[in-house]
Amino acid sequence: MRGPDRIIRLKTVLARTGLSRSTIYRKIAEGTFPAQIKISVNGTGWHESEISRWIRDPVSWRPAGGFDDVR
């Protein structure tokens, strides 16, 4: 049985991905990086499993629900 999915903060995401802060937020806006979730009034974080999934395959990563971008 898997344990609960941890929430990790920006500092950890930066260290694990090697991306800059601005690159992370640009990729979120493009839909090519997991979006952060609100964890308090002034705090956000990411599901560790989503970051791990992005690290395994950043080129073909899509949000877990999946969607087809029709353009």
N, C-alpha and C. Protein backbone atom coordinates (compact mmCIF):
# COMPACT_ATOMS: atom_id res chain seq x y z
N MET A 1 0.83 -1.18 0.00
CA MET A 1 0.00 0.00 0.00
C MET A 1 0.87 1.24 0.00
N ARG A 2 0.52 2.20 -0.83
CA ARG A 2 1.29 3.43 -0.92
C ARG A 2 0.93 4.38 0.20
N GLY A 3 1.92 5.15 0.64
CA GLY A 3 1.67 6.16 1.65
C GLY A 3 1.01 7.37 1.04
N PRO A 4 0.64 8.32 1.87
CA PRO A 4 0.00 9.53 1.35
C PRO A 4 0.96 10.34 0.49
N ASP A 5 0.41 11.05 -0.47
CA ASP A 5 1.20 11.90 -1.36
C ASP A 5 1.64 13.14 -0.59
N ARG A 6 2.93 13.37 -0.50
CA ARG A 6 3.45 14.54 0.22
C ARG A 6 3.27 15.80 -0.60
N ILE A 7 3.18 16.92 0.10
CA ILE A 7 3.16 18.23 -0.53
C ILE A 7 4.55 18.82 -0.35
N ILE A 8 5.17 19.24 -1.46
CA ILE A 8 6.50 19.83 -1.37
C ILE A 8 6.43 21.30 -1.78
N ARG A 9 7.32 22.09 -1.20
CA ARG A 9 7.32 23.52 -1.43
C ARG A 9 8.26 23.88 -2.58
N LEU A 10 8.22 25.15 -2.99
CA LEU A 10 8.98 25.63 -4.15
C LEU A 10 10.47 25.32 -4.05
N LYS A 11 11.06 25.53 -2.89
CA LYS A 11 12.50 25.30 -2.73
C LYS A 11 12.87 23.86 -3.10
N THR A 12 12.04 22.92 -2.70
CA THR A 12 12.29 21.51 -3.02
C THR A 12 12.08 21.24 -4.50
N VAL A 13 11.04 21.84 -5.07
CA VAL A 13 10.77 21.67 -6.51
C VAL A 13 11.94 22.22 -7.32
N LEU A 14 12.45 23.38 -6.94
CA LEU A 14 13.60 23.96 -7.64
C LEU A 14 14.80 23.02 -7.59
N ALA A 15 15.07 22.47 -6.41
CA ALA A 15 16.22 21.57 -6.24
C ALA A 15 16.04 20.28 -7.03
N ARG A 16 14.84 19.72 -7.03
CA ARG A 16 14.62 18.45 -7.71
C ARG A 16 14.60 18.57 -9.23
N THR A 17 14.09 19.68 -9.75
CA THR A 17 13.96 19.82 -11.20
C THR A 17 15.16 20.49 -11.85
N GLY A 18 15.86 21.34 -11.12
CA GLY A 18 16.96 22.09 -11.70
C GLY A 18 16.49 23.29 -12.52
N LEU A 19 15.20 23.57 -12.47
CA LEU A 19 14.65 24.71 -13.21
C LEU A 19 14.70 25.96 -12.34
N SER A 20 14.63 27.12 -12.99
CA SER A 20 14.56 28.37 -12.24
C SER A 20 13.10 28.63 -11.87
N ARG A 21 12.91 29.52 -10.92
CA ARG A 21 11.57 29.89 -10.48
C ARG A 21 10.73 30.42 -11.65
N SER A 22 11.33 31.32 -12.44
CA SER A 22 10.58 31.90 -13.56
C SER A 22 10.23 30.85 -14.61
N THR A 23 11.11 29.89 -14.84
CA THR A 23 10.83 28.83 -15.81
C THR A 23 9.68 27.95 -15.32
N ILE A 24 9.66 27.65 -14.04
CA ILE A 24 8.57 26.84 -13.49
C ILE A 24 7.23 27.53 -13.72
N TYR A 25 7.15 28.82 -13.37
CA TYR A 25 5.88 29.53 -13.52
C TYR A 25 5.50 29.73 -14.99
N ARG A 26 6.48 29.88 -15.87
CA ARG A 26 6.18 29.98 -17.30
C ARG A 26 5.62 28.66 -17.81
N LYS A 27 6.23 27.54 -17.39
CA LYS A 27 5.76 26.23 -17.81
C LYS A 27 4.37 25.92 -17.26
N ILE A 28 4.07 26.38 -16.04
CA ILE A 28 2.72 26.20 -15.49
C ILE A 28 1.72 26.92 -16.38
N ALA A 29 2.04 28.15 -16.77
CA ALA A 29 1.15 28.94 -17.63
C ALA A 29 0.96 28.27 -18.99
N GLU A 30 2.00 27.60 -19.49
CA GLU A 30 1.93 26.90 -20.77
C GLU A 30 1.20 25.56 -20.66
N GLY A 31 1.04 25.07 -19.42
CA GLY A 31 0.40 23.76 -19.21
C GLY A 31 1.36 22.60 -19.35
N THR A 32 2.67 22.87 -19.24
CA THR A 32 3.67 21.82 -19.40
C THR A 32 4.39 21.48 -18.10
N PHE A 33 3.84 21.92 -16.98
CA PHE A 33 4.41 21.64 -15.66
C PHE A 33 3.25 21.59 -14.68
N PRO A 34 3.33 20.73 -13.66
CA PRO A 34 2.24 20.64 -12.69
C PRO A 34 1.97 21.97 -12.00
N ALA A 35 0.70 22.32 -11.89
CA ALA A 35 0.30 23.54 -11.20
C ALA A 35 0.40 23.33 -9.69
N GLN A 36 0.67 24.41 -8.98
CA GLN A 36 0.74 24.34 -7.53
C GLN A 36 -0.66 24.29 -6.94
N ILE A 37 -0.74 23.83 -5.70
CA ILE A 37 -2.01 23.79 -4.99
C ILE A 37 -1.90 24.68 -3.76
N LYS A 38 -3.00 25.28 -3.37
CA LYS A 38 -3.02 26.16 -2.21
C LYS A 38 -3.06 25.31 -0.95
N ILE A 39 -2.11 25.57 -0.02
CA ILE A 39 -2.06 24.79 1.22
C ILE A 39 -2.34 25.65 2.45
N SER A 40 -2.36 26.95 2.28
CA SER A 40 -2.71 27.87 3.36
C SER A 40 -3.05 29.21 2.74
N VAL A 41 -3.34 30.19 3.56
CA VAL A 41 -3.70 31.51 3.05
C VAL A 41 -2.58 32.07 2.18
N ASN A 42 -1.35 31.94 2.62
CA ASN A 42 -0.21 32.50 1.88
C ASN A 42 0.74 31.45 1.33
N GLY A 43 0.37 30.19 1.35
CA GLY A 43 1.31 29.16 0.93
C GLY A 43 0.76 28.25 -0.15
N THR A 44 1.66 27.81 -0.99
CA THR A 44 1.32 26.84 -2.03
C THR A 44 2.37 25.74 -2.05
N GLY A 45 2.04 24.65 -2.67
CA GLY A 45 2.98 23.54 -2.81
C GLY A 45 2.57 22.69 -3.99
N TRP A 46 3.29 21.62 -4.19
CA TRP A 46 3.03 20.70 -5.29
C TRP A 46 2.90 19.30 -4.73
N HIS A 47 2.09 18.47 -5.38
CA HIS A 47 2.05 17.05 -5.04
C HIS A 47 3.38 16.45 -5.49
N GLU A 48 4.05 15.77 -4.58
CA GLU A 48 5.35 15.18 -4.90
C GLU A 48 5.24 14.18 -6.05
N SER A 49 4.14 13.45 -6.11
CA SER A 49 3.97 12.45 -7.18
C SER A 49 3.91 13.12 -8.55
N GLU A 50 3.28 14.30 -8.65
CA GLU A 50 3.21 15.00 -9.93
C GLU A 50 4.59 15.50 -10.36
N ILE A 51 5.37 16.00 -9.42
CA ILE A 51 6.72 16.46 -9.75
C ILE A 51 7.58 15.27 -10.18
N SER A 52 7.46 14.16 -9.48
CA SER A 52 8.21 12.95 -9.86
C SER A 52 7.82 12.47 -11.24
N ARG A 53 6.51 12.52 -11.54
CA ARG A 53 6.03 12.11 -12.87
C ARG A 53 6.59 13.05 -13.94
N TRP A 54 6.65 14.36 -13.66
CA TRP A 54 7.21 15.31 -14.61
C TRP A 54 8.70 15.05 -14.82
N ILE A 55 9.42 14.76 -13.75
CA ILE A 55 10.87 14.49 -13.86
C ILE A 55 11.12 13.26 -14.71
N ARG A 56 10.29 12.23 -14.57
CA ARG A 56 10.47 11.00 -15.37
C ARG A 56 10.29 11.25 -16.85
N ASP A 57 9.35 12.14 -17.23
CA ASP A 57 9.08 12.37 -18.65
C ASP A 57 8.55 13.79 -18.87
N PRO A 58 9.45 14.78 -18.84
CA PRO A 58 9.00 16.18 -18.96
C PRO A 58 8.41 16.54 -20.32
N VAL A 59 8.82 15.87 -21.37
CA VAL A 59 8.36 16.22 -22.70
C VAL A 59 6.90 15.85 -22.91
N SER A 60 6.50 14.68 -22.45
CA SER A 60 5.12 14.24 -22.70
C SER A 60 4.23 14.38 -21.47
N TRP A 61 4.67 15.08 -20.43
CA TRP A 61 3.85 15.25 -19.22
C TRP A 61 2.58 16.01 -19.55
N ARG A 62 1.48 15.54 -19.03
CA ARG A 62 0.19 16.22 -19.11
C ARG A 62 -0.47 16.10 -17.75
N PRO A 63 -1.39 17.00 -17.40
CA PRO A 63 -2.08 16.89 -16.11
C PRO A 63 -2.74 15.52 -15.95
N ALA A 64 -2.81 15.04 -14.73
CA ALA A 64 -3.31 13.68 -14.44
C ALA A 64 -4.68 13.40 -15.02
N GLY A 65 -5.58 14.38 -15.02
CA GLY A 65 -6.90 14.18 -15.59
C GLY A 65 -6.86 14.00 -17.08
N GLY A 66 -5.81 14.53 -17.67
CA GLY A 66 -5.63 14.43 -19.11
C GLY A 66 -6.58 15.31 -19.87
N PHE A 67 -6.10 15.97 -20.87
CA PHE A 67 -6.94 16.76 -21.75
C PHE A 67 -6.24 16.88 -23.08
N ASP A 68 -7.02 17.00 -24.11
CA ASP A 68 -6.46 17.18 -25.45
C ASP A 68 -6.57 18.64 -25.80
N ASP A 69 -5.45 19.25 -26.08
CA ASP A 69 -5.41 20.67 -26.42
C ASP A 69 -5.79 20.84 -27.88
N VAL A 70 -6.97 21.36 -28.14
CA VAL A 70 -7.44 21.54 -29.51
C VAL A 70 -7.12 22.96 -29.93
N ARG A 71 -6.28 23.10 -30.93
CA ARG A 71 -5.89 24.44 -31.43
C ARG A 71 -6.10 24.52 -32.89
